[in-house]
Amino acid sequence: MERLAFTMKLFPGQVEEYKRRHDAIWPALKYLLKDSGVKDYSIFLDEASLTLFGVMKVEDSAVLGPLRDHPVMREWWEYMKDIMETNADASPVQVSLVEVFYLG
């Protein structure tokens, strides 16, 4: 099992909308992530900087690459791009973090 962490960034004034959309996450997206081996996925918010911190466990990080092209993932990104920083393809601007400590 691999643990991955990353940051993303919300636009000002979009915290409640981000929470609302994730409270109503699409069943198809939830199934896609779980079926791809994503486990124990959390997103935290630093309210002062609007930085989102995501952490997840995956059985094999190689399975995440193909998710980029899955229609459900692409549709979710389009749905979210108006409230957060995104790349030209609507994927969230995501910065991978390097683990420097773990107390297991």
Protein backbone atom coordinates (compact mmCIF):
# COMPACT_ATOMS: atom_id res chain seq x y z
CA MET A 1 0.00 0.00 0.00
CA GLU A 2 1.34 3.42 -0.98
CA ARG A 3 0.47 6.70 0.73
CA LEU A 4 0.34 9.78 -1.46
CA ALA A 5 -0.07 13.43 -0.49
CA PHE A 6 -0.58 16.56 -2.57
CA THR A 7 -1.82 20.13 -2.45
CA MET A 8 -4.38 21.97 -4.54
CA LYS A 9 -5.73 25.52 -4.30
CA LEU A 10 -9.24 26.95 -4.05
CA PHE A 11 -10.34 30.29 -5.43
CA PRO A 12 -11.36 32.88 -2.82
CA GLY A 13 -14.94 32.53 -1.60
CA GLN A 14 -15.29 28.91 -2.76
CA VAL A 15 -14.80 26.94 0.47
CA GLU A 16 -18.48 26.25 1.09
CA GLU A 17 -19.12 25.33 -2.54
CA TYR A 18 -16.16 22.93 -2.51
CA LYS A 19 -17.53 21.28 0.63
CA ARG A 20 -21.05 21.13 -0.84
CA ARG A 21 -19.86 19.43 -4.02
CA HIS A 22 -17.82 16.87 -2.10
CA ASP A 23 -20.67 16.16 0.32
CA ALA A 24 -22.65 15.17 -2.77
CA ILE A 25 -19.81 13.37 -4.57
CA TRP A 26 -21.05 11.42 -7.55
CA PRO A 27 -21.50 7.68 -6.89
CA ALA A 28 -19.79 6.94 -10.22
CA LEU A 29 -16.70 8.89 -9.13
CA LYS A 30 -16.63 7.23 -5.73
CA TYR A 31 -16.89 3.82 -7.40
CA LEU A 32 -14.17 4.70 -9.94
CA LEU A 33 -11.73 5.72 -7.20
CA LYS A 34 -12.43 2.73 -5.00
CA ASP A 35 -12.36 0.33 -7.95
CA SER A 36 -8.95 1.76 -8.91
CA GLY A 37 -7.56 0.90 -5.48
CA VAL A 38 -7.86 4.29 -3.77
CA LYS A 39 -8.37 3.84 -0.04
CA ASP A 40 -8.61 6.14 2.95
CA TYR A 41 -8.77 9.38 0.92
CA SER A 42 -9.04 12.67 2.83
CA ILE A 43 -8.81 16.31 1.83
CA PHE A 44 -8.02 18.97 4.42
CA LEU A 45 -8.19 22.75 4.07
CA ASP A 46 -5.82 25.46 5.30
CA GLU A 47 -8.41 28.24 5.54
CA ALA A 48 -5.81 31.03 5.69
CA SER A 49 -4.22 30.16 2.34
CA LEU A 50 -7.11 28.24 0.71
CA THR A 51 -4.69 25.38 0.19
CA LEU A 52 -6.20 21.92 0.06
CA PHE A 53 -4.11 19.02 1.33
CA GLY A 54 -5.04 15.61 0.00
CA VAL A 55 -3.78 12.30 1.31
CA MET A 56 -4.73 8.86 0.09
CA LYS A 57 -3.66 5.27 0.21
CA VAL A 58 -3.49 3.31 -3.03
CA GLU A 59 -2.69 -0.29 -3.72
CA ASP A 60 -0.51 0.74 -6.67
CA SER A 61 0.05 4.36 -7.73
CA ALA A 62 0.43 3.24 -11.35
CA VAL A 63 -3.36 2.84 -11.57
CA LEU A 64 -3.84 6.57 -11.05
CA GLY A 65 -2.36 7.52 -14.43
CA PRO A 66 -5.17 6.05 -16.54
CA LEU A 67 -7.77 7.81 -14.35
CA ARG A 68 -6.82 11.05 -16.10
CA ASP A 69 -8.53 9.85 -19.26
CA HIS A 70 -11.61 8.30 -17.69
CA PRO A 71 -14.83 10.13 -18.72
CA VAL A 72 -16.13 10.37 -15.14
CA MET A 73 -12.88 11.94 -13.93
CA ARG A 74 -12.81 14.37 -16.87
CA GLU A 75 -16.42 15.37 -16.17
CA TRP A 76 -15.64 15.93 -12.45
CA TRP A 77 -12.71 18.14 -13.34
CA GLU A 78 -14.90 20.22 -15.65
CA TYR A 79 -17.44 20.51 -12.83
CA MET A 80 -14.78 21.70 -10.35
CA LYS A 81 -12.71 24.04 -12.53
CA ASP A 82 -14.76 27.14 -11.70
CA ILE A 83 -13.86 26.98 -7.99
CA MET A 84 -10.18 25.95 -7.96
CA GLU A 85 -6.91 26.36 -9.81
CA THR A 86 -6.77 24.05 -12.82
CA ASN A 87 -4.53 23.19 -15.74
CA ALA A 88 -5.50 23.74 -19.38
CA ASP A 89 -7.13 20.27 -19.49
CA ALA A 90 -9.30 21.17 -16.42
CA SER A 91 -7.32 18.85 -14.12
CA PRO A 92 -6.59 20.46 -10.76
CA VAL A 93 -3.21 22.07 -10.32
CA GLN A 94 -1.74 19.51 -7.98
CA VAL A 95 1.64 19.57 -6.27
CA SER A 96 2.89 16.21 -5.02
CA LEU A 97 4.41 16.25 -1.56
CA VAL A 98 7.44 14.30 -0.39
CA GLU A 99 7.02 12.35 2.82
CA VAL A 100 9.62 13.34 5.41
CA PHE A 101 8.18 11.57 8.47
CA TYR A 102 5.71 8.80 9.22
CA LEU A 103 4.70 7.35 12.58
CA GLY A 104 3.02 4.09 11.69
